[in-house]
Amino acid sequence: HPTLNLKHLDLSFNAFDALPICKEFGNMSQLEFLGLSATQLQKSSVLPIAHLHISKVLLVLGDPYGEKEDSESLRHLNTESLHIVFPTRKEFHFILDVSLS
């Protein structure tokens, strides 16, 4: 399947509520860059790609982010570089507890 050989997939800066990751993403073993957007982060959304080693991940957080989050959701990303674009609203609090290998 052609999508299995994808090296660059950018879905960032889109209005997704949850991370747009499906189980098929787990087959993309060649993936080097992944761009994502979400207003909510859940561990279950990240699990399909937890076994992949992705060099760079871009995560764009929408404005409602931070209201109800799974604080461990990002621990399952296996990446060398994690770039987070925070919401632009003025009053914003962010707690990040993540250890990357």
PDB file of N, CA and C in Angstrom:
ATOM      1  N   HIS A   1       0.845  -1.184   0.000  1.00  0.00           N
ATOM      2  CA  HIS A   1       0.000   0.000   0.000  1.00  0.00           C
ATOM      3  C   HIS A   1       0.884   1.239   0.000  1.00  0.00           C
ATOM      4  N   PRO A   2       0.614   2.226  -0.877  1.00  0.00           N
ATOM      5  CA  PRO A   2       1.480   3.395  -1.022  1.00  0.00           C
ATOM      6  C   PRO A   2       1.630   4.233   0.257  1.00  0.00           C
ATOM      7  N   THR A   3       0.575   4.306   1.079  1.00  0.00           N
ATOM      8  CA  THR A   3       0.665   5.147   2.282  1.00  0.00           C
ATOM      9  C   THR A   3       1.665   4.591   3.296  1.00  0.00           C
ATOM     10  N   LEU A   4       2.004   3.323   3.204  1.00  0.00           N
ATOM     11  CA  LEU A   4       2.946   2.736   4.149  1.00  0.00           C
ATOM     12  C   LEU A   4       4.337   3.342   3.999  1.00  0.00           C
ATOM     13  N   ASN A   5       4.643   3.884   2.826  1.00  0.00           N
ATOM     14  CA  ASN A   5       5.962   4.453   2.564  1.00  0.00           C
ATOM     15  C   ASN A   5       6.040   5.962   2.813  1.00  0.00           C
ATOM     16  N   LEU A   6       4.976   6.557   3.346  1.00  0.00           N
ATOM     17  CA  LEU A   6       4.973   7.996   3.606  1.00  0.00           C
ATOM     18  C   LEU A   6       6.091   8.362   4.579  1.00  0.00           C
ATOM     19  N   LYS A   7       6.808   9.450   4.261  1.00  0.00           N
ATOM     20  CA  LYS A   7       7.855   9.940   5.152  1.00  0.00           C
ATOM     21  C   LYS A   7       7.447  11.244   5.824  1.00  0.00           C
ATOM     22  N   HIS A   8       6.529  11.984   5.198  1.00  0.00           N
ATOM     23  CA  HIS A   8       6.124  13.299   5.694  1.00  0.00           C
ATOM     24  C   HIS A   8       4.601  13.382   5.622  1.00  0.00           C
ATOM     25  N   LEU A   9       3.966  13.543   6.763  1.00  0.00           N
ATOM     26  CA  LEU A   9       2.505  13.681   6.806  1.00  0.00           C
ATOM     27  C   LEU A   9       2.176  14.870   7.692  1.00  0.00           C
ATOM     28  N   ASP A  10       1.584  15.898   7.104  1.00  0.00           N
ATOM     29  CA  ASP A  10       1.291  17.118   7.849  1.00  0.00           C
ATOM     30  C   ASP A  10      -0.214  17.383   7.872  1.00  0.00           C
ATOM     31  N   LEU A  11      -0.817  17.165   9.024  1.00  0.00           N
ATOM     32  CA  LEU A  11      -2.240  17.435   9.224  1.00  0.00           C
ATOM     33  C   LEU A  11      -2.426  18.595  10.205  1.00  0.00           C
ATOM     34  N   SER A  12      -1.353  19.359  10.413  1.00  0.00           N
ATOM     35  CA  SER A  12      -1.400  20.445  11.396  1.00  0.00           C
ATOM     36  C   SER A  12      -2.212  21.634  10.879  1.00  0.00           C
ATOM     37  N   PHE A  13      -2.575  22.504  11.819  1.00  0.00           N
ATOM     38  CA  PHE A  13      -3.340  23.715  11.536  1.00  0.00           C
ATOM     39  C   PHE A  13      -4.686  23.406  10.889  1.00  0.00           C
ATOM     40  N   ASN A  14      -5.317  22.327  11.367  1.00  0.00           N
ATOM     41  CA  ASN A  14      -6.685  21.978  10.993  1.00  0.00           C
ATOM     42  C   ASN A  14      -7.516  21.938  12.265  1.00  0.00           C
ATOM     43  N   ALA A  15      -8.820  22.133  12.117  1.00  0.00           N
ATOM     44  CA  ALA A  15      -9.696  22.232  13.293  1.00  0.00           C
ATOM     45  C   ALA A  15     -10.186  20.859  13.756  1.00  0.00           C
ATOM     46  N   PHE A  16      -9.267  20.020  14.211  1.00  0.00           N
ATOM     47  CA  PHE A  16      -9.636  18.713  14.749  1.00  0.00           C
ATOM     48  C   PHE A  16      -9.840  18.833  16.254  1.00  0.00           C
ATOM     49  N   ASP A  17     -10.898  18.202  16.765  1.00  0.00           N
ATOM     50  CA  ASP A  17     -11.087  18.150  18.216  1.00  0.00           C
ATOM     51  C   ASP A  17     -10.094  17.169  18.829  1.00  0.00           C
ATOM     52  N   ALA A  18     -10.066  15.952  18.280  1.00  0.00           N
ATOM     53  CA  ALA A  18      -9.144  14.922  18.752  1.00  0.00           C
ATOM     54  C   ALA A  18      -8.027  14.757  17.733  1.00  0.00           C
ATOM     55  N   LEU A  19      -6.920  14.173  18.163  1.00  0.00           N
ATOM     56  CA  LEU A  19      -5.822  13.914  17.233  1.00  0.00           C
ATOM     57  C   LEU A  19      -6.317  13.036  16.090  1.00  0.00           C
ATOM     58  N   PRO A  20      -6.028  13.405  14.851  1.00  0.00           N
ATOM     59  CA  PRO A  20      -6.524  12.641  13.697  1.00  0.00           C
ATOM     60  C   PRO A  20      -5.643  11.428  13.409  1.00  0.00           C
ATOM     61  N   ILE A  21      -5.547  10.527  14.375  1.00  0.00           N
ATOM     62  CA  ILE A  21      -4.712   9.333  14.225  1.00  0.00           C
ATOM     63  C   ILE A  21      -5.614   8.111  14.234  1.00  0.00           C
ATOM     64  N   CYS A  22      -5.484   7.285  13.214  1.00  0.00           N
ATOM     65  CA  CYS A  22      -6.247   6.038  13.181  1.00  0.00           C
ATOM     66  C   CYS A  22      -5.259   4.871  13.234  1.00  0.00           C
ATOM     67  N   LYS A  23      -5.775   3.671  13.399  1.00  0.00           N
ATOM     68  CA  LYS A  23      -4.894   2.508  13.591  1.00  0.00           C
ATOM     69  C   LYS A  23      -3.965   2.284  12.407  1.00  0.00           C
ATOM     70  N   GLU A  24      -4.376   2.703  11.208  1.00  0.00           N
ATOM     71  CA  GLU A  24      -3.546   2.526  10.015  1.00  0.00           C
ATOM     72  C   GLU A  24      -2.242   3.328  10.090  1.00  0.00           C
ATOM     73  N   PHE A  25      -2.230   4.408  10.880  1.00  0.00           N
ATOM     74  CA  PHE A  25      -1.001   5.186  11.044  1.00  0.00           C
ATOM     75  C   PHE A  25       0.116   4.311  11.594  1.00  0.00           C
ATOM     76  N   GLY A  26      -0.241   3.322  12.379  1.00  0.00           N
ATOM     77  CA  GLY A  26       0.735   2.440  12.998  1.00  0.00           C
ATOM     78  C   GLY A  26       1.538   1.629  12.003  1.00  0.00           C
ATOM     79  N   ASN A  27       1.071   1.545  10.754  1.00  0.00           N
ATOM     80  CA  ASN A  27       1.776   0.809   9.704  1.00  0.00           C
ATOM     81  C   ASN A  27       2.772   1.682   8.944  1.00  0.00           C
ATOM     82  N   MET A  28       2.808   2.962   9.244  1.00  0.00           N
ATOM     83  CA  MET A  28       3.674   3.893   8.515  1.00  0.00           C
ATOM     84  C   MET A  28       5.067   3.921   9.140  1.00  0.00           C
ATOM     85  N   SER A  29       5.800   2.864   9.003  1.00  0.00           N
ATOM     86  CA  SER A  29       7.096   2.714   9.669  1.00  0.00           C
ATOM     87  C   SER A  29       8.174   3.631   9.095  1.00  0.00           C
ATOM     88  N   GLN A  30       7.958   4.205   7.915  1.00  0.00           N
ATOM     89  CA  GLN A  30       8.940   5.101   7.289  1.00  0.00           C
ATOM     90  C   GLN A  30       8.737   6.566   7.688  1.00  0.00           C
ATOM     91  N   LEU A  31       7.694   6.844   8.467  1.00  0.00           N
ATOM     92  CA  LEU A  31       7.327   8.219   8.797  1.00  0.00           C
ATOM     93  C   LEU A  31       8.443   8.928   9.569  1.00  0.00           C
ATOM     94  N   GLU A  32       8.884  10.076   9.040  1.00  0.00           N
ATOM     95  CA  GLU A  32       9.938  10.872   9.675  1.00  0.00           C
ATOM     96  C   GLU A  32       9.397  12.169  10.276  1.00  0.00           C
ATOM     97  N   PHE A  33       8.316  12.705   9.698  1.00  0.00           N
ATOM     98  CA  PHE A  33       7.694  13.932  10.194  1.00  0.00           C
ATOM     99  C   PHE A  33       6.194  13.731  10.268  1.00  0.00           C
ATOM    100  N   LEU A  34       5.606  14.135  11.383  1.00  0.00           N
ATOM    101  CA  LEU A  34       4.162  14.058  11.539  1.00  0.00           C
ATOM    102  C   LEU A  34       3.675  15.364  12.149  1.00  0.00           C
ATOM    103  N   GLY A  35       2.776  16.041  11.443  1.00  0.00           N
ATOM    104  CA  GLY A  35       2.167  17.270  11.941  1.00  0.00           C
ATOM    105  C   GLY A  35       0.725  16.999  12.322  1.00  0.00           C
ATOM    106  N   LEU A  36       0.345  17.401  13.533  1.00  0.00           N
ATOM    107  CA  LEU A  36      -0.987  17.112  14.057  1.00  0.00           C
ATOM    108  C   LEU A  36      -1.617  18.356  14.666  1.00  0.00           C
ATOM    109  N   SER A  37      -2.951  18.359  14.742  1.00  0.00           N
ATOM    110  CA  SER A  37      -3.697  19.415  15.424  1.00  0.00           C
ATOM    111  C   SER A  37      -4.752  18.764  16.297  1.00  0.00           C
ATOM    112  N   ALA A  38      -5.068  19.418  17.413  1.00  0.00           N
ATOM    113  CA  ALA A  38      -6.143  18.927  18.274  1.00  0.00           C
ATOM    114  C   ALA A  38      -6.495  19.995  19.294  1.00  0.00           C
ATOM    115  N   THR A  39      -7.726  19.919  19.797  1.00  0.00           N
ATOM    116  CA  THR A  39      -8.102  20.757  20.935  1.00  0.00           C
ATOM    117  C   THR A  39      -8.147  19.905  22.201  1.00  0.00           C
ATOM    118  N   GLN A  40      -8.121  18.571  22.046  1.00  0.00           N
ATOM    119  CA  GLN A  40      -8.101  17.659  23.187  1.00  0.00           C
ATOM    120  C   GLN A  40      -7.061  16.585  22.932  1.00  0.00           C
ATOM    121  N   LEU A  41      -6.291  16.244  23.956  1.00  0.00           N
ATOM    122  CA  LEU A  41      -5.315  15.161  23.833  1.00  0.00           C
ATOM    123  C   LEU A  41      -5.742  14.005  24.722  1.00  0.00           C
ATOM    124  N   GLN A  42      -5.793  12.826  24.139  1.00  0.00           N
ATOM    125  CA  GLN A  42      -6.125  11.620  24.886  1.00  0.00           C
ATOM    126  C   GLN A  42      -5.075  10.561  24.591  1.00  0.00           C
ATOM    127  N   LYS A  43      -4.701   9.814  25.615  1.00  0.00           N
ATOM    128  CA  LYS A  43      -3.696   8.765  25.457  1.00  0.00           C
ATOM    129  C   LYS A  43      -4.110   7.772  24.373  1.00  0.00           C
ATOM    130  N   SER A  44      -5.389   7.429  24.330  1.00  0.00           N
ATOM    131  CA  SER A  44      -5.870   6.441  23.361  1.00  0.00           C
ATOM    132  C   SER A  44      -5.656   6.898  21.920  1.00  0.00           C
ATOM    133  N   SER A  45      -5.612   8.220  21.696  1.00  0.00           N
ATOM    134  CA  SER A  45      -5.386   8.739  20.342  1.00  0.00           C
ATOM    135  C   SER A  45      -3.949   8.548  19.889  1.00  0.00           C
ATOM    136  N   VAL A  46      -3.011   8.534  20.843  1.00  0.00           N
ATOM    137  CA  VAL A  46      -1.585   8.439  20.529  1.00  0.00           C
ATOM    138  C   VAL A  46      -1.126   6.984  20.402  1.00  0.00           C
ATOM    139  N   LEU A  47      -1.803   6.068  21.084  1.00  0.00           N
ATOM    140  CA  LEU A  47      -1.359   4.671  21.142  1.00  0.00           C
ATOM    141  C   LEU A  47      -1.110   3.999  19.785  1.00  0.00           C
ATOM    142  N   PRO A  48      -1.908   4.281  18.731  1.00  0.00           N
ATOM    143  CA  PRO A  48      -1.642   3.605  17.448  1.00  0.00           C
ATOM    144  C   PRO A  48      -0.266   3.884  16.854  1.00  0.00           C
ATOM    145  N   ILE A  49       0.376   4.989  17.281  1.00  0.00           N
ATOM    146  CA  ILE A  49       1.708   5.315  16.737  1.00  0.00           C
ATOM    147  C   ILE A  49       2.805   5.217  17.798  1.00  0.00           C
ATOM    148  N   ALA A  50       2.476   4.711  18.975  1.00  0.00           N
ATOM    149  CA  ALA A  50       3.430   4.681  20.085  1.00  0.00           C
ATOM    150  C   ALA A  50       4.680   3.869  19.761  1.00  0.00           C
ATOM    151  N   HIS A  51       4.561   2.853  18.918  1.00  0.00           N
ATOM    152  CA  HIS A  51       5.703   1.985  18.592  1.00  0.00           C
ATOM    153  C   HIS A  51       6.579   2.565  17.475  1.00  0.00           C
ATOM    154  N   LEU A  52       6.106   3.598  16.779  1.00  0.00           N
ATOM    155  CA  LEU A  52       6.874   4.199  15.688  1.00  0.00           C
ATOM    156  C   LEU A  52       7.937   5.141  16.241  1.00  0.00           C
ATOM    157  N   HIS A  53       9.075   5.223  15.564  1.00  0.00           N
ATOM    158  CA  HIS A  53      10.070   6.241  15.901  1.00  0.00           C
ATOM    159  C   HIS A  53       9.992   7.317  14.826  1.00  0.00           C
ATOM    160  N   ILE A  54       9.422   8.469  15.188  1.00  0.00           N
ATOM    161  CA  ILE A  54       9.224   9.576  14.254  1.00  0.00           C
ATOM    162  C   ILE A  54      10.225  10.671  14.630  1.00  0.00           C
ATOM    163  N   SER A  55      11.042  11.109  13.680  1.00  0.00           N
ATOM    164  CA  SER A  55      12.086  12.088  13.987  1.00  0.00           C
ATOM    165  C   SER A  55      11.524  13.394  14.535  1.00  0.00           C
ATOM    166  N   LYS A  56      10.497  13.934  13.867  1.00  0.00           N
ATOM    167  CA  LYS A  56       9.946  15.226  14.271  1.00  0.00           C
ATOM    168  C   LYS A  56       8.427  15.158  14.327  1.00  0.00           C
ATOM    169  N   VAL A  57       7.865  15.669  15.414  1.00  0.00           N
ATOM    170  CA  VAL A  57       6.421  15.778  15.559  1.00  0.00           C
ATOM    171  C   VAL A  57       6.080  17.234  15.835  1.00  0.00           C
ATOM    172  N   LEU A  58       5.141  17.769  15.058  1.00  0.00           N
ATOM    173  CA  LEU A  58       4.610  19.112  15.262  1.00  0.00           C
ATOM    174  C   LEU A  58       3.198  18.954  15.803  1.00  0.00           C
ATOM    175  N   LEU A  59       2.922  19.588  16.926  1.00  0.00           N
ATOM    176  CA  LEU A  59       1.602  19.489  17.541  1.00  0.00           C
ATOM    177  C   LEU A  59       1.037  20.892  17.714  1.00  0.00           C
ATOM    178  N   VAL A  60      -0.080  21.173  17.048  1.00  0.00           N
ATOM    179  CA  VAL A  60      -0.735  22.473  17.119  1.00  0.00           C
ATOM    180  C   VAL A  60      -1.979  22.323  17.994  1.00  0.00           C
ATOM    181  N   LEU A  61      -2.007  23.053  19.118  1.00  0.00           N
ATOM    182  CA  LEU A  61      -3.114  22.944  20.064  1.00  0.00           C
ATOM    183  C   LEU A  61      -4.123  24.056  19.823  1.00  0.00           C
ATOM    184  N   GLY A  62      -5.392  23.672  19.658  1.00  0.00           N
ATOM    185  CA  GLY A  62      -6.453  24.650  19.421  1.00  0.00           C
ATOM    186  C   GLY A  62      -6.859  25.373  20.694  1.00  0.00           C
ATOM    187  N   ASP A  63      -7.604  26.463  20.564  1.00  0.00           N
ATOM    188  CA  ASP A  63      -7.943  27.333  21.693  1.00  0.00           C
ATOM    189  C   ASP A  63      -8.609  26.650  22.890  1.00  0.00           C
ATOM    190  N   PRO A  64      -9.517  25.686  22.708  1.00  0.00           N
ATOM    191  CA  PRO A  64     -10.130  25.076  23.902  1.00  0.00           C
ATOM    192  C   PRO A  64      -9.175  24.167  24.682  1.00  0.00           C
ATOM    193  N   TYR A  65      -7.952  23.969  24.207  1.00  0.00           N
ATOM    194  CA  TYR A  65      -7.045  23.034  24.864  1.00  0.00           C
ATOM    195  C   TYR A  65      -6.809  23.416  26.324  1.00  0.00           C
ATOM    196  N   GLY A  66      -6.718  22.409  27.172  1.00  0.00           N
ATOM    197  CA  GLY A  66      -6.386  22.621  28.574  1.00  0.00           C
ATOM    198  C   GLY A  66      -7.566  22.526  29.513  1.00  0.00           C
ATOM    199  N   GLU A  67      -8.769  22.405  28.954  1.00  0.00           N
ATOM    200  CA  GLU A  67      -9.943  22.336  29.818  1.00  0.00           C
ATOM    201  C   GLU A  67     -10.103  20.965  30.462  1.00  0.00           C
ATOM    202  N   LYS A  68      -9.839  19.908  29.719  1.00  0.00           N
ATOM    203  CA  LYS A  68      -9.883  18.556  30.294  1.00  0.00           C
ATOM    204  C   LYS A  68      -8.941  17.681  29.481  1.00  0.00           C
ATOM    205  N   GLU A  69      -7.805  17.388  30.061  1.00  0.00           N
ATOM    206  CA  GLU A  69      -6.771  16.673  29.311  1.00  0.00           C
ATOM    207  C   GLU A  69      -6.284  15.438  30.049  1.00  0.00           C
ATOM    208  N   ASP A  70      -5.770  14.521  29.292  1.00  0.00           N
ATOM    209  CA  ASP A  70      -5.084  13.353  29.832  1.00  0.00           C
ATOM    210  C   ASP A  70      -3.607  13.760  29.933  1.00  0.00           C
ATOM    211  N   SER A  71      -3.133  13.961  31.151  1.00  0.00           N
ATOM    212  CA  SER A  71      -1.787  14.514  31.334  1.00  0.00           C
ATOM    213  C   SER A  71      -0.686  13.583  30.834  1.00  0.00           C
ATOM    214  N   GLU A  72      -0.994  12.317  30.616  1.00  0.00           N
ATOM    215  CA  GLU A  72       0.026  11.378  30.154  1.00  0.00           C
ATOM    216  C   GLU A  72      -0.048  11.113  28.648  1.00  0.00           C
ATOM    217  N   SER A  73      -0.887  11.834  27.952  1.00  0.00           N
ATOM    218  CA  SER A  73      -1.128  11.526  26.540  1.00  0.00           C
ATOM    219  C   SER A  73       0.121  11.626  25.671  1.00  0.00           C
ATOM    220  N   LEU A  74       1.022  12.563  25.969  1.00  0.00           N
ATOM    221  CA  LEU A  74       2.201  12.753  25.127  1.00  0.00           C
ATOM    222  C   LEU A  74       3.350  11.810  25.479  1.00  0.00           C
ATOM    223  N   ARG A  75       3.259  11.125  26.591  1.00  0.00           N
ATOM    224  CA  ARG A  75       4.334  10.201  26.982  1.00  0.00           C
ATOM    225  C   ARG A  75       4.523   9.072  25.986  1.00  0.00           C
ATOM    226  N   HIS A  76       3.526   8.833  25.186  1.00  0.00           N
ATOM    227  CA  HIS A  76       3.573   7.702  24.264  1.00  0.00           C
ATOM    228  C   HIS A  76       4.112   8.067  22.886  1.00  0.00           C
ATOM    229  N   LEU A  77       4.509   9.325  22.700  1.00  0.00           N
ATOM    230  CA  LEU A  77       5.133   9.725  21.446  1.00  0.00           C
ATOM    231  C   LEU A  77       6.619   9.379  21.503  1.00  0.00           C
ATOM    232  N   ASN A  78       7.105   8.674  20.498  1.00  0.00           N
ATOM    233  CA  ASN A  78       8.516   8.304  20.417  1.00  0.00           C
ATOM    234  C   ASN A  78       9.135   9.178  19.336  1.00  0.00           C
ATOM    235  N   THR A  79       9.713  10.305  19.752  1.00  0.00           N
ATOM    236  CA  THR A  79      10.221  11.269  18.783  1.00  0.00           C
ATOM    237  C   THR A  79      11.499  11.932  19.300  1.00  0.00           C
ATOM    238  N   GLU A  80      12.340  12.373  18.369  1.00  0.00           N
ATOM    239  CA  GLU A  80      13.547  13.114  18.739  1.00  0.00           C
ATOM    240  C   GLU A  80      13.221  14.580  18.998  1.00  0.00           C
ATOM    241  N   SER A  81      12.228  15.099  18.295  1.00  0.00           N
ATOM    242  CA  SER A  81      11.897  16.513  18.377  1.00  0.00           C
ATOM    243  C   SER A  81      10.384  16.688  18.439  1.00  0.00           C
ATOM    244  N   LEU A  82       9.917  17.369  19.480  1.00  0.00           N
ATOM    245  CA  LEU A  82       8.495  17.662  19.632  1.00  0.00           C
ATOM    246  C   LEU A  82       8.331  19.174  19.657  1.00  0.00           C
ATOM    247  N   HIS A  83       7.654  19.720  18.652  1.00  0.00           N
ATOM    248  CA  HIS A  83       7.419  21.163  18.543  1.00  0.00           C
ATOM    249  C   HIS A  83       5.937  21.383  18.820  1.00  0.00           C
ATOM    250  N   ILE A  84       5.631  22.184  19.849  1.00  0.00           N
ATOM    251  CA  ILE A  84       4.237  22.446  20.225  1.00  0.00           C
ATOM    252  C   ILE A  84       3.904  23.898  19.945  1.00  0.00           C
ATOM    253  N   VAL A  85       2.815  24.128  19.220  1.00  0.00           N
ATOM    254  CA  VAL A  85       2.290  25.478  18.989  1.00  0.00           C
ATOM    255  C   VAL A  85       1.105  25.639  19.930  1.00  0.00           C
ATOM    256  N   PHE A  86       1.255  26.543  20.897  1.00  0.00           N
ATOM    257  CA  PHE A  86       0.233  26.726  21.917  1.00  0.00           C
ATOM    258  C   PHE A  86      -0.910  27.603  21.414  1.00  0.00           C
ATOM    259  N   PRO A  87      -2.078  27.511  22.063  1.00  0.00           N
ATOM    260  CA  PRO A  87      -3.199  28.375  21.691  1.00  0.00           C
ATOM    261  C   PRO A  87      -2.830  29.849  21.846  1.00  0.00           C
ATOM    262  N   THR A  88      -3.526  30.688  21.104  1.00  0.00           N
ATOM    263  CA  THR A  88      -3.184  32.106  21.077  1.00  0.00           C
ATOM    264  C   THR A  88      -3.975  32.938  22.077  1.00  0.00           C
ATOM    265  N   ARG A  89      -4.921  32.341  22.760  1.00  0.00           N
ATOM    266  CA  ARG A  89      -5.718  33.137  23.704  1.00  0.00           C
ATOM    267  C   ARG A  89      -4.835  33.652  24.844  1.00  0.00           C
ATOM    268  N   LYS A  90      -5.234  34.761  25.446  1.00  0.00           N
ATOM    269  CA  LYS A  90      -4.392  35.432  26.431  1.00  0.00           C
ATOM    270  C   LYS A  90      -4.245  34.624  27.726  1.00  0.00           C
ATOM    271  N   GLU A  91      -5.347  34.192  28.310  1.00  0.00           N
ATOM    272  CA  GLU A  91      -5.315  33.468  29.579  1.00  0.00           C
ATOM    273  C   GLU A  91      -5.113  31.998  29.272  1.00  0.00           C
ATOM    274  N   PHE A  92      -3.912  31.527  29.504  1.00  0.00           N
ATOM    275  CA  PHE A  92      -3.622  30.142  29.144  1.00  0.00           C
ATOM    276  C   PHE A  92      -2.676  29.507  30.151  1.00  0.00           C
ATOM    277  N   HIS A  93      -3.037  28.331  30.611  1.00  0.00           N
ATOM    278  CA  HIS A  93      -2.202  27.580  31.547  1.00  0.00           C
ATOM    279  C   HIS A  93      -1.930  26.215  30.940  1.00  0.00           C
ATOM    280  N   PHE A  94      -0.701  25.758  31.037  1.00  0.00           N
ATOM    281  CA  PHE A  94      -0.331  24.480  30.410  1.00  0.00           C
ATOM    282  C   PHE A  94       0.549  23.694  31.372  1.00  0.00           C
ATOM    283  N   ILE A  95       0.155  22.458  31.640  1.00  0.00           N
ATOM    284  CA  ILE A  95       0.972  21.567  32.452  1.00  0.00           C
ATOM    285  C   ILE A  95       1.431  20.425  31.558  1.00  0.00           C
ATOM    286  N   LEU A  96       2.727  20.279  31.417  1.00  0.00           N
ATOM    287  CA  LEU A  96       3.269  19.233  30.558  1.00  0.00           C
ATOM    288  C   LEU A  96       4.166  18.330  31.393  1.00  0.00           C
ATOM    289  N   ASP A  97       3.763  17.077  31.498  1.00  0.00           N
ATOM    290  CA  ASP A  97       4.560  16.099  32.234  1.00  0.00           C
ATOM    291  C   ASP A  97       4.864  14.988  31.249  1.00  0.00           C
ATOM    292  N   VAL A  98       6.025  15.070  30.618  1.00  0.00           N
ATOM    293  CA  VAL A  98       6.326  14.121  29.559  1.00  0.00           C
ATOM    294  C   VAL A  98       7.819  13.792  29.598  1.00  0.00           C
ATOM    295  N   SER A  99       8.137  12.541  29.380  1.00  0.00           N
ATOM    296  CA  SER A  99       9.534  12.162  29.261  1.00  0.00           C
ATOM    297  C   SER A  99       9.714  11.492  27.904  1.00  0.00           C
ATOM    298  N   LEU A 100      10.598  12.032  27.108  1.00  0.00           N
ATOM    299  CA  LEU A 100      10.816  11.514  25.763  1.00  0.00           C
ATOM    300  C   LEU A 100      12.112  10.739  25.711  1.00  0.00           C
ATOM    301  N   SER A 101      12.081   9.617  24.998  1.00  0.00           N
ATOM    302  CA  SER A 101      13.314   8.848  24.849  1.00  0.00           C
ATOM    303  C   SER A 101      14.014   9.250  23.571  1.00  0.00           C
TER     304      SER A 101
END
